[in-house]
Amino acid sequence: MSRNAYDEALLIQIINGTDTALQNMGTVNQQVTLIAGQLGMANQSTAGQKLTYALTDWGHGFNRVVNSLRALNDNVIRMRDELRTAAVEAEAAAGAGTGS
């Protein structure tokens, strides 16, 4: 286990879980976008317009969540890469210290 209590297996699990969540959210977003378009055409009433606006707001919120999850994954990928680099450097340093 590394100094910061994250090992590579846990980081990979986070990366893969986030990727899966993003894919699933993308599917949901496609469905909501399709429904929002249909509602706008089918319901021109005030209530229909309010629903369309609410779905538009949802879409903006969705994009913020997706961007945050992508940023999280980018940070976890960098952490994993830094752990790998540190492990290689530590191994090299240990090898140099033994005279091999």
PDB file of N, CA and C in Angstrom:
ATOM      1  N   MET A   1       0.849  -1.176   0.000  1.00  0.00           N
ATOM      2  CA  MET A   1       0.000   0.000   0.000  1.00  0.00           C
ATOM      3  C   MET A   1       0.890   1.233   0.000  1.00  0.00           C
ATOM      4  N   SER A   2       0.482   2.211  -0.728  1.00  0.00           N
ATOM      5  CA  SER A   2       1.290   3.414  -0.862  1.00  0.00           C
ATOM      6  C   SER A   2       1.153   4.308   0.362  1.00  0.00           C
ATOM      7  N   ARG A   3       1.990   5.327   0.398  1.00  0.00           N
ATOM      8  CA  ARG A   3       2.034   6.253   1.516  1.00  0.00           C
ATOM      9  C   ARG A   3       0.704   6.977   1.722  1.00  0.00           C
ATOM     10  N   ASN A   4      -0.029   7.267   0.637  1.00  0.00           N
ATOM     11  CA  ASN A   4      -1.284   7.995   0.780  1.00  0.00           C
ATOM     12  C   ASN A   4      -2.489   7.068   0.885  1.00  0.00           C
ATOM     13  N   ALA A   5      -2.289   5.799   1.125  1.00  0.00           N
ATOM     14  CA  ALA A   5      -3.320   4.786   1.377  1.00  0.00           C
ATOM     15  C   ALA A   5      -4.107   4.406   0.126  1.00  0.00           C
ATOM     16  N   TYR A   6      -3.645   4.792  -1.044  1.00  0.00           N
ATOM     17  CA  TYR A   6      -4.284   4.382  -2.295  1.00  0.00           C
ATOM     18  C   TYR A   6      -3.322   3.478  -3.038  1.00  0.00           C
ATOM     19  N   ASP A   7      -3.771   2.283  -3.348  1.00  0.00           N
ATOM     20  CA  ASP A   7      -2.934   1.442  -4.182  1.00  0.00           C
ATOM     21  C   ASP A   7      -3.486   1.458  -5.599  1.00  0.00           C
ATOM     22  N   GLU A   8      -2.713   0.943  -6.502  1.00  0.00           N
ATOM     23  CA  GLU A   8      -3.077   1.021  -7.918  1.00  0.00           C
ATOM     24  C   GLU A   8      -4.404   0.321  -8.197  1.00  0.00           C
ATOM     25  N   ALA A   9      -4.655  -0.798  -7.550  1.00  0.00           N
ATOM     26  CA  ALA A   9      -5.903  -1.527  -7.799  1.00  0.00           C
ATOM     27  C   ALA A   9      -7.121  -0.678  -7.428  1.00  0.00           C
ATOM     28  N   LEU A  10      -7.043   0.040  -6.318  1.00  0.00           N
ATOM     29  CA  LEU A  10      -8.152   0.910  -5.914  1.00  0.00           C
ATOM     30  C   LEU A  10      -8.328   2.051  -6.912  1.00  0.00           C
ATOM     31  N   LEU A  11      -7.233   2.633  -7.353  1.00  0.00           N
ATOM     32  CA  LEU A  11      -7.320   3.733  -8.316  1.00  0.00           C
ATOM     33  C   LEU A  11      -7.918   3.259  -9.639  1.00  0.00           C
ATOM     34  N   ILE A  12      -7.539   2.088 -10.088  1.00  0.00           N
ATOM     35  CA  ILE A  12      -8.105   1.526 -11.318  1.00  0.00           C
ATOM     36  C   ILE A  12      -9.601   1.269 -11.139  1.00  0.00           C
ATOM     37  N   GLN A  13      -9.987   0.805  -9.968  1.00  0.00           N
ATOM     38  CA  GLN A  13     -11.398   0.577  -9.673  1.00  0.00           C
ATOM     39  C   GLN A  13     -12.187   1.893  -9.751  1.00  0.00           C
ATOM     40  N   ILE A  14     -11.619   2.965  -9.222  1.00  0.00           N
ATOM     41  CA  ILE A  14     -12.261   4.280  -9.288  1.00  0.00           C
ATOM     42  C   ILE A  14     -12.373   4.746 -10.736  1.00  0.00           C
ATOM     43  N   ILE A  15     -11.296   4.603 -11.484  1.00  0.00           N
ATOM     44  CA  ILE A  15     -11.288   5.023 -12.896  1.00  0.00           C
ATOM     45  C   ILE A  15     -12.353   4.261 -13.676  1.00  0.00           C
ATOM     46  N   ASN A  16     -12.374   2.946 -13.536  1.00  0.00           N
ATOM     47  CA  ASN A  16     -13.336   2.122 -14.280  1.00  0.00           C
ATOM     48  C   ASN A  16     -14.773   2.405 -13.847  1.00  0.00           C
ATOM     49  N   GLY A  17     -14.986   2.572 -12.549  1.00  0.00           N
ATOM     50  CA  GLY A  17     -16.325   2.881 -12.055  1.00  0.00           C
ATOM     51  C   GLY A  17     -16.834   4.216 -12.568  1.00  0.00           C
ATOM     52  N   THR A  18     -15.950   5.195 -12.609  1.00  0.00           N
ATOM     53  CA  THR A  18     -16.326   6.511 -13.117  1.00  0.00           C
ATOM     54  C   THR A  18     -16.619   6.443 -14.605  1.00  0.00           C
ATOM     55  N   ASP A  19     -15.794   5.718 -15.353  1.00  0.00           N
ATOM     56  CA  ASP A  19     -16.051   5.552 -16.787  1.00  0.00           C
ATOM     57  C   ASP A  19     -17.410   4.895 -17.038  1.00  0.00           C
ATOM     58  N   THR A  20     -17.734   3.861 -16.274  1.00  0.00           N
ATOM     59  CA  THR A  20     -19.025   3.183 -16.411  1.00  0.00           C
ATOM     60  C   THR A  20     -20.171   4.128 -16.087  1.00  0.00           C
ATOM     61  N   ALA A  21     -20.020   4.906 -15.019  1.00  0.00           N
ATOM     62  CA  ALA A  21     -21.059   5.872 -14.647  1.00  0.00           C
ATOM     63  C   ALA A  21     -21.260   6.904 -15.749  1.00  0.00           C
ATOM     64  N   LEU A  22     -20.174   7.380 -16.334  1.00  0.00           N
ATOM     65  CA  LEU A  22     -20.276   8.358 -17.412  1.00  0.00           C
ATOM     66  C   LEU A  22     -20.998   7.774 -18.620  1.00  0.00           C
ATOM     67  N   GLN A  23     -20.718   6.532 -18.946  1.00  0.00           N
ATOM     68  CA  GLN A  23     -21.401   5.886 -20.075  1.00  0.00           C
ATOM     69  C   GLN A  23     -22.896   5.751 -19.793  1.00  0.00           C
ATOM     70  N   ASN A  24     -23.232   5.301 -18.590  1.00  0.00           N
ATOM     71  CA  ASN A  24     -24.640   5.139 -18.220  1.00  0.00           C
ATOM     72  C   ASN A  24     -25.363   6.488 -18.207  1.00  0.00           C
ATOM     73  N   MET A  25     -24.697   7.508 -17.696  1.00  0.00           N
ATOM     74  CA  MET A  25     -25.293   8.840 -17.664  1.00  0.00           C
ATOM     75  C   MET A  25     -25.496   9.377 -19.076  1.00  0.00           C
ATOM     76  N   GLY A  26     -24.583   9.067 -19.971  1.00  0.00           N
ATOM     77  CA  GLY A  26     -24.731   9.491 -21.359  1.00  0.00           C
ATOM     78  C   GLY A  26     -25.971   8.880 -21.994  1.00  0.00           C
ATOM     79  N   THR A  27     -26.229   7.624 -21.685  1.00  0.00           N
ATOM     80  CA  THR A  27     -27.429   6.952 -22.202  1.00  0.00           C
ATOM     81  C   THR A  27     -28.687   7.627 -21.670  1.00  0.00           C
ATOM     82  N   VAL A  28     -28.715   7.905 -20.388  1.00  0.00           N
ATOM     83  CA  VAL A  28     -29.860   8.587 -19.788  1.00  0.00           C
ATOM     84  C   VAL A  28     -30.033   9.970 -20.410  1.00  0.00           C
ATOM     85  N   ASN A  29     -28.946  10.687 -20.592  1.00  0.00           N
ATOM     86  CA  ASN A  29     -29.030  12.023 -21.166  1.00  0.00           C
ATOM     87  C   ASN A  29     -29.607  11.986 -22.582  1.00  0.00           C
ATOM     88  N   GLN A  30     -29.225  11.005 -23.366  1.00  0.00           N
ATOM     89  CA  GLN A  30     -29.777  10.874 -24.717  1.00  0.00           C
ATOM     90  C   GLN A  30     -31.291  10.678 -24.662  1.00  0.00           C
ATOM     91  N   GLN A  31     -31.746   9.851 -23.730  1.00  0.00           N
ATOM     92  CA  GLN A  31     -33.177   9.599 -23.590  1.00  0.00           C
ATOM     93  C   GLN A  31     -33.919  10.857 -23.137  1.00  0.00           C
ATOM     94  N   VAL A  32     -33.364  11.568 -22.170  1.00  0.00           N
ATOM     95  CA  VAL A  32     -33.997  12.794 -21.685  1.00  0.00           C
ATOM     96  C   VAL A  32     -34.043  13.841 -22.793  1.00  0.00           C
ATOM     97  N   THR A  33     -32.965  13.966 -23.547  1.00  0.00           N
ATOM     98  CA  THR A  33     -32.920  14.934 -24.642  1.00  0.00           C
ATOM     99  C   THR A  33     -33.984  14.621 -25.685  1.00  0.00           C
ATOM    100  N   LEU A  34     -34.147  13.353 -26.005  1.00  0.00           N
ATOM    101  CA  LEU A  34     -35.165  12.937 -26.971  1.00  0.00           C
ATOM    102  C   LEU A  34     -36.560  13.279 -26.452  1.00  0.00           C
ATOM    103  N   ILE A  35     -36.833  12.946 -25.209  1.00  0.00           N
ATOM    104  CA  ILE A  35     -38.142  13.229 -24.615  1.00  0.00           C
ATOM    105  C   ILE A  35     -38.387  14.730 -24.549  1.00  0.00           C
ATOM    106  N   ALA A  36     -37.371  15.497 -24.182  1.00  0.00           N
ATOM    107  CA  ALA A  36     -37.526  16.951 -24.089  1.00  0.00           C
ATOM    108  C   ALA A  36     -37.915  17.533 -25.442  1.00  0.00           C
ATOM    109  N   GLY A  37     -37.295  17.064 -26.503  1.00  0.00           N
ATOM    110  CA  GLY A  37     -37.633  17.541 -27.839  1.00  0.00           C
ATOM    111  C   GLY A  37     -39.064  17.194 -28.223  1.00  0.00           C
ATOM    112  N   GLN A  38     -39.481  15.994 -27.889  1.00  0.00           N
ATOM    113  CA  GLN A  38     -40.842  15.560 -28.200  1.00  0.00           C
ATOM    114  C   GLN A  38     -41.863  16.350 -27.393  1.00  0.00           C
ATOM    115  N   LEU A  39     -41.564  16.595 -26.115  1.00  0.00           N
ATOM    116  CA  LEU A  39     -42.487  17.353 -25.272  1.00  0.00           C
ATOM    117  C   LEU A  39     -42.667  18.772 -25.788  1.00  0.00           C
ATOM    118  N   GLY A  40     -41.574  19.369 -26.214  1.00  0.00           N
ATOM    119  CA  GLY A  40     -41.652  20.734 -26.721  1.00  0.00           C
ATOM    120  C   GLY A  40     -42.552  20.844 -27.931  1.00  0.00           C
ATOM    121  N   MET A  41     -42.517  19.838 -28.805  1.00  0.00           N
ATOM    122  CA  MET A  41     -43.358  19.865 -30.003  1.00  0.00           C
ATOM    123  C   MET A  41     -44.807  19.514 -29.683  1.00  0.00           C
ATOM    124  N   ALA A  42     -45.003  18.602 -28.739  1.00  0.00           N
ATOM    125  CA  ALA A  42     -46.345  18.096 -28.461  1.00  0.00           C
ATOM    126  C   ALA A  42     -47.139  18.965 -27.493  1.00  0.00           C
ATOM    127  N   ASN A  43     -46.449  19.744 -26.670  1.00  0.00           N
ATOM    128  CA  ASN A  43     -47.150  20.479 -25.627  1.00  0.00           C
ATOM    129  C   ASN A  43     -46.702  21.940 -25.644  1.00  0.00           C
ATOM    130  N   GLN A  44     -47.493  22.785 -26.268  1.00  0.00           N
ATOM    131  CA  GLN A  44     -47.170  24.205 -26.387  1.00  0.00           C
ATOM    132  C   GLN A  44     -47.782  25.038 -25.265  1.00  0.00           C
ATOM    133  N   SER A  45     -48.389  24.392 -24.288  1.00  0.00           N
ATOM    134  CA  SER A  45     -49.007  25.124 -23.182  1.00  0.00           C
ATOM    135  C   SER A  45     -47.946  25.720 -22.275  1.00  0.00           C
ATOM    136  N   THR A  46     -48.392  26.532 -21.324  1.00  0.00           N
ATOM    137  CA  THR A  46     -47.476  27.111 -20.343  1.00  0.00           C
ATOM    138  C   THR A  46     -46.795  26.009 -19.529  1.00  0.00           C
ATOM    139  N   ALA A  47     -47.564  25.009 -19.140  1.00  0.00           N
ATOM    140  CA  ALA A  47     -46.994  23.900 -18.371  1.00  0.00           C
ATOM    141  C   ALA A  47     -45.959  23.152 -19.210  1.00  0.00           C
ATOM    142  N   GLY A  48     -46.235  22.951 -20.480  1.00  0.00           N
ATOM    143  CA  GLY A  48     -45.289  22.277 -21.361  1.00  0.00           C
ATOM    144  C   GLY A  48     -44.012  23.074 -21.521  1.00  0.00           C
ATOM    145  N   GLN A  49     -44.154  24.396 -21.622  1.00  0.00           N
ATOM    146  CA  GLN A  49     -42.974  25.251 -21.745  1.00  0.00           C
ATOM    147  C   GLN A  49     -42.149  25.217 -20.465  1.00  0.00           C
ATOM    148  N   LYS A  50     -42.819  25.208 -19.309  1.00  0.00           N
ATOM    149  CA  LYS A  50     -42.094  25.128 -18.031  1.00  0.00           C
ATOM    150  C   LYS A  50     -41.339  23.809 -17.925  1.00  0.00           C
ATOM    151  N   LEU A  51     -41.966  22.737 -18.371  1.00  0.00           N
ATOM    152  CA  LEU A  51     -41.306  21.434 -18.345  1.00  0.00           C
ATOM    153  C   LEU A  51     -40.100  21.430 -19.279  1.00  0.00           C
ATOM    154  N   THR A  52     -40.254  22.033 -20.441  1.00  0.00           N
ATOM    155  CA  THR A  52     -39.143  22.119 -21.381  1.00  0.00           C
ATOM    156  C   THR A  52     -37.986  22.912 -20.779  1.00  0.00           C
ATOM    157  N   TYR A  53     -38.294  24.023 -20.106  1.00  0.00           N
ATOM    158  CA  TYR A  53     -37.247  24.815 -19.445  1.00  0.00           C
ATOM    159  C   TYR A  53     -36.572  24.010 -18.329  1.00  0.00           C
ATOM    160  N   ALA A  54     -37.374  23.274 -17.585  1.00  0.00           N
ATOM    161  CA  ALA A  54     -36.806  22.458 -16.500  1.00  0.00           C
ATOM    162  C   ALA A  54     -35.861  21.398 -17.061  1.00  0.00           C
ATOM    163  N   LEU A  55     -36.253  20.799 -18.175  1.00  0.00           N
ATOM    164  CA  LEU A  55     -35.384  19.792 -18.789  1.00  0.00           C
ATOM    165  C   LEU A  55     -34.118  20.417 -19.355  1.00  0.00           C
ATOM    166  N   THR A  56     -34.221  21.641 -19.836  1.00  0.00           N
ATOM    167  CA  THR A  56     -33.035  22.358 -20.309  1.00  0.00           C
ATOM    168  C   THR A  56     -32.092  22.627 -19.136  1.00  0.00           C
ATOM    169  N   ASP A  57     -32.661  23.050 -17.999  1.00  0.00           N
ATOM    170  CA  ASP A  57     -31.840  23.254 -16.793  1.00  0.00           C
ATOM    171  C   ASP A  57     -31.178  21.947 -16.366  1.00  0.00           C
ATOM    172  N   TRP A  58     -31.940  20.861 -16.443  1.00  0.00           N
ATOM    173  CA  TRP A  58     -31.385  19.557 -16.099  1.00  0.00           C
ATOM    174  C   TRP A  58     -30.190  19.249 -16.992  1.00  0.00           C
ATOM    175  N   GLY A  59     -30.319  19.555 -18.263  1.00  0.00           N
ATOM    176  CA  GLY A  59     -29.225  19.305 -19.202  1.00  0.00           C
ATOM    177  C   GLY A  59     -27.967  20.074 -18.836  1.00  0.00           C
ATOM    178  N   HIS A  60     -28.139  21.330 -18.408  1.00  0.00           N
ATOM    179  CA  HIS A  60     -26.974  22.116 -17.986  1.00  0.00           C
ATOM    180  C   HIS A  60     -26.341  21.509 -16.733  1.00  0.00           C
ATOM    181  N   GLY A  61     -27.188  21.105 -15.794  1.00  0.00           N
ATOM    182  CA  GLY A  61     -26.678  20.449 -14.586  1.00  0.00           C
ATOM    183  C   GLY A  61     -25.973  19.149 -14.912  1.00  0.00           C
ATOM    184  N   PHE A  62     -26.538  18.414 -15.843  1.00  0.00           N
ATOM    185  CA  PHE A  62     -25.933  17.157 -16.281  1.00  0.00           C
ATOM    186  C   PHE A  62     -24.521  17.406 -16.798  1.00  0.00           C
ATOM    187  N   ASN A  63     -24.365  18.421 -17.625  1.00  0.00           N
ATOM    188  CA  ASN A  63     -23.042  18.724 -18.175  1.00  0.00           C
ATOM    189  C   ASN A  63     -22.048  19.102 -17.087  1.00  0.00           C
ATOM    190  N   ARG A  64     -22.483  19.811 -16.065  1.00  0.00           N
ATOM    191  CA  ARG A  64     -21.580  20.143 -14.953  1.00  0.00           C
ATOM    192  C   ARG A  64     -21.140  18.878 -14.217  1.00  0.00           C
ATOM    193  N   VAL A  65     -22.074  17.968 -13.993  1.00  0.00           N
ATOM    194  CA  VAL A  65     -21.738  16.711 -13.301  1.00  0.00           C
ATOM    195  C   VAL A  65     -20.755  15.896 -14.140  1.00  0.00           C
ATOM    196  N   VAL A  66     -21.015  15.788 -15.429  1.00  0.00           N
ATOM    197  CA  VAL A  66     -20.127  15.027 -16.317  1.00  0.00           C
ATOM    198  C   VAL A  66     -18.725  15.636 -16.312  1.00  0.00           C
ATOM    199  N   ASN A  67     -18.652  16.948 -16.411  1.00  0.00           N
ATOM    200  CA  ASN A  67     -17.339  17.600 -16.397  1.00  0.00           C
ATOM    201  C   ASN A  67     -16.615  17.365 -15.079  1.00  0.00           C
ATOM    202  N   SER A  68     -17.346  17.375 -13.975  1.00  0.00           N
ATOM    203  CA  SER A  68     -16.727  17.112 -12.673  1.00  0.00           C
ATOM    204  C   SER A  68     -16.226  15.674 -12.571  1.00  0.00           C
ATOM    205  N   LEU A  69     -17.008  14.734 -13.076  1.00  0.00           N
ATOM    206  CA  LEU A  69     -16.570  13.334 -13.049  1.00  0.00           C
ATOM    207  C   LEU A  69     -15.360  13.109 -13.941  1.00  0.00           C
ATOM    208  N   ARG A  70     -15.339  13.761 -15.078  1.00  0.00           N
ATOM    209  CA  ARG A  70     -14.161  13.640 -15.953  1.00  0.00           C
ATOM    210  C   ARG A  70     -12.929  14.236 -15.276  1.00  0.00           C
ATOM    211  N   ALA A  71     -13.100  15.367 -14.591  1.00  0.00           N
ATOM    212  CA  ALA A  71     -11.976  15.978 -13.870  1.00  0.00           C
ATOM    213  C   ALA A  71     -11.499  15.050 -12.750  1.00  0.00           C
ATOM    214  N   LEU A  72     -12.439  14.419 -12.052  1.00  0.00           N
ATOM    215  CA  LEU A  72     -12.078  13.453 -11.008  1.00  0.00           C
ATOM    216  C   LEU A  72     -11.258  12.327 -11.609  1.00  0.00           C
ATOM    217  N   ASN A  73     -11.729  11.777 -12.718  1.00  0.00           N
ATOM    218  CA  ASN A  73     -10.997  10.681 -13.347  1.00  0.00           C
ATOM    219  C   ASN A  73      -9.617  11.120 -13.798  1.00  0.00           C
ATOM    220  N   ASP A  74      -9.511  12.327 -14.354  1.00  0.00           N
ATOM    221  CA  ASP A  74      -8.198  12.831 -14.765  1.00  0.00           C
ATOM    222  C   ASP A  74      -7.250  12.905 -13.567  1.00  0.00           C
ATOM    223  N   ASN A  75      -7.756  13.362 -12.426  1.00  0.00           N
ATOM    224  CA  ASN A  75      -6.926  13.452 -11.216  1.00  0.00           C
ATOM    225  C   ASN A  75      -6.513  12.066 -10.731  1.00  0.00           C
ATOM    226  N   VAL A  76      -7.433  11.120 -10.775  1.00  0.00           N
ATOM    227  CA  VAL A  76      -7.109   9.754 -10.322  1.00  0.00           C
ATOM    228  C   VAL A  76      -6.100   9.113 -11.273  1.00  0.00           C
ATOM    229  N   ILE A  77      -6.253   9.347 -12.568  1.00  0.00           N
ATOM    230  CA  ILE A  77      -5.286   8.810 -13.537  1.00  0.00           C
ATOM    231  C   ILE A  77      -3.900   9.400 -13.277  1.00  0.00           C
ATOM    232  N   ARG A  78      -3.832  10.706 -13.012  1.00  0.00           N
ATOM    233  CA  ARG A  78      -2.534  11.328 -12.696  1.00  0.00           C
ATOM    234  C   ARG A  78      -1.947  10.725 -11.417  1.00  0.00           C
ATOM    235  N   MET A  79      -2.793  10.508 -10.404  1.00  0.00           N
ATOM    236  CA  MET A  79      -2.308   9.918  -9.151  1.00  0.00           C
ATOM    237  C   MET A  79      -1.762   8.518  -9.404  1.00  0.00           C
ATOM    238  N   ARG A  80      -2.492   7.724 -10.195  1.00  0.00           N
ATOM    239  CA  ARG A  80      -2.027   6.370 -10.516  1.00  0.00           C
ATOM    240  C   ARG A  80      -0.685   6.425 -11.236  1.00  0.00           C
ATOM    241  N   ASP A  81      -0.559   7.336 -12.203  1.00  0.00           N
ATOM    242  CA  ASP A  81       0.692   7.455 -12.955  1.00  0.00           C
ATOM    243  C   ASP A  81       1.842   7.893 -12.050  1.00  0.00           C
ATOM    244  N   GLU A  82       1.561   8.801 -11.123  1.00  0.00           N
ATOM    245  CA  GLU A  82       2.596   9.243 -10.176  1.00  0.00           C
ATOM    246  C   GLU A  82       3.019   8.105  -9.255  1.00  0.00           C
ATOM    247  N   LEU A  83       2.057   7.280  -8.822  1.00  0.00           N
ATOM    248  CA  LEU A  83       2.400   6.121  -7.990  1.00  0.00           C
ATOM    249  C   LEU A  83       3.291   5.144  -8.764  1.00  0.00           C
ATOM    250  N   ARG A  84       2.966   4.939 -10.033  1.00  0.00           N
ATOM    251  CA  ARG A  84       3.789   4.045 -10.859  1.00  0.00           C
ATOM    252  C   ARG A  84       5.212   4.602 -10.999  1.00  0.00           C
ATOM    253  N   THR A  85       5.305   5.892 -11.266  1.00  0.00           N
ATOM    254  CA  THR A  85       6.618   6.526 -11.417  1.00  0.00           C
ATOM    255  C   THR A  85       7.404   6.427 -10.114  1.00  0.00           C
ATOM    256  N   ALA A  86       6.744   6.695  -9.003  1.00  0.00           N
ATOM    257  CA  ALA A  86       7.417   6.620  -7.704  1.00  0.00           C
ATOM    258  C   ALA A  86       7.899   5.209  -7.412  1.00  0.00           C
ATOM    259  N   ALA A  87       7.104   4.214  -7.777  1.00  0.00           N
ATOM    260  CA  ALA A  87       7.497   2.821  -7.547  1.00  0.00           C
ATOM    261  C   ALA A  87       8.729   2.459  -8.371  1.00  0.00           C
ATOM    262  N   VAL A  88       8.754   2.898  -9.624  1.00  0.00           N
ATOM    263  CA  VAL A  88       9.907   2.624 -10.491  1.00  0.00           C
ATOM    264  C   VAL A  88      11.148   3.311  -9.935  1.00  0.00           C
ATOM    265  N   GLU A  89      10.990   4.573  -9.522  1.00  0.00           N
ATOM    266  CA  GLU A  89      12.134   5.320  -8.975  1.00  0.00           C
ATOM    267  C   GLU A  89      12.628   4.690  -7.664  1.00  0.00           C
ATOM    268  N   ALA A  90      11.692   4.244  -6.831  1.00  0.00           N
ATOM    269  CA  ALA A  90      12.094   3.625  -5.570  1.00  0.00           C
ATOM    270  C   ALA A  90      12.823   2.314  -5.828  1.00  0.00           C
ATOM    271  N   GLU A  91      12.341   1.559  -6.801  1.00  0.00           N
ATOM    272  CA  GLU A  91      13.000   0.303  -7.144  1.00  0.00           C
ATOM    273  C   GLU A  91      14.404   0.558  -7.683  1.00  0.00           C
ATOM    274  N   ALA A  92      14.541   1.578  -8.518  1.00  0.00           N
ATOM    275  CA  ALA A  92      15.860   1.934  -9.075  1.00  0.00           C
ATOM    276  C   ALA A  92      16.782   2.375  -7.968  1.00  0.00           C
ATOM    277  N   ALA A  93      16.268   3.175  -7.053  1.00  0.00           N
ATOM    278  CA  ALA A  93      17.099   3.659  -5.947  1.00  0.00           C
ATOM    279  C   ALA A  93      17.519   2.503  -5.033  1.00  0.00           C
ATOM    280  N   ALA A  94      16.603   1.579  -4.802  1.00  0.00           N
ATOM    281  CA  ALA A  94      16.940   0.427  -3.966  1.00  0.00           C
ATOM    282  C   ALA A  94      17.986  -0.439  -4.643  1.00  0.00           C
ATOM    283  N   GLY A  95      17.870  -0.587  -5.974  1.00  0.00           N
ATOM    284  CA  GLY A  95      18.860  -1.357  -6.708  1.00  0.00           C
ATOM    285  C   GLY A  95      20.217  -0.696  -6.695  1.00  0.00           C
ATOM    286  N   ALA A  96      20.238   0.625  -6.760  1.00  0.00           N
ATOM    287  CA  ALA A  96      21.499   1.358  -6.737  1.00  0.00           C
ATOM    288  C   ALA A  96      22.144   1.275  -5.370  1.00  0.00           C
ATOM    289  N   GLY A  97      21.324   1.199  -4.344  1.00  0.00           N
ATOM    290  CA  GLY A  97      21.858   1.138  -2.987  1.00  0.00           C
ATOM    291  C   GLY A  97      22.460  -0.207  -2.636  1.00  0.00           C
ATOM    292  N   THR A  98      22.088  -1.231  -3.370  1.00  0.00           N
ATOM    293  CA  THR A  98      22.616  -2.567  -3.077  1.00  0.00           C
ATOM    294  C   THR A  98      23.871  -2.873  -3.888  1.00  0.00           C
ATOM    295  N   GLY A  99      24.209  -1.946  -4.771  1.00  0.00           N
ATOM    296  CA  GLY A  99      25.411  -2.146  -5.566  1.00  0.00           C
ATOM    297  C   GLY A  99      25.198  -3.030  -6.760  1.00  0.00           C
ATOM    298  N   SER A 100      23.940  -3.321  -7.100  1.00  0.00           N
ATOM    299  CA  SER A 100      23.707  -4.171  -8.269  1.00  0.00           C
ATOM    300  C   SER A 100      23.542  -3.391  -9.527  1.00  0.00           C
TER     301      SER A 100
END
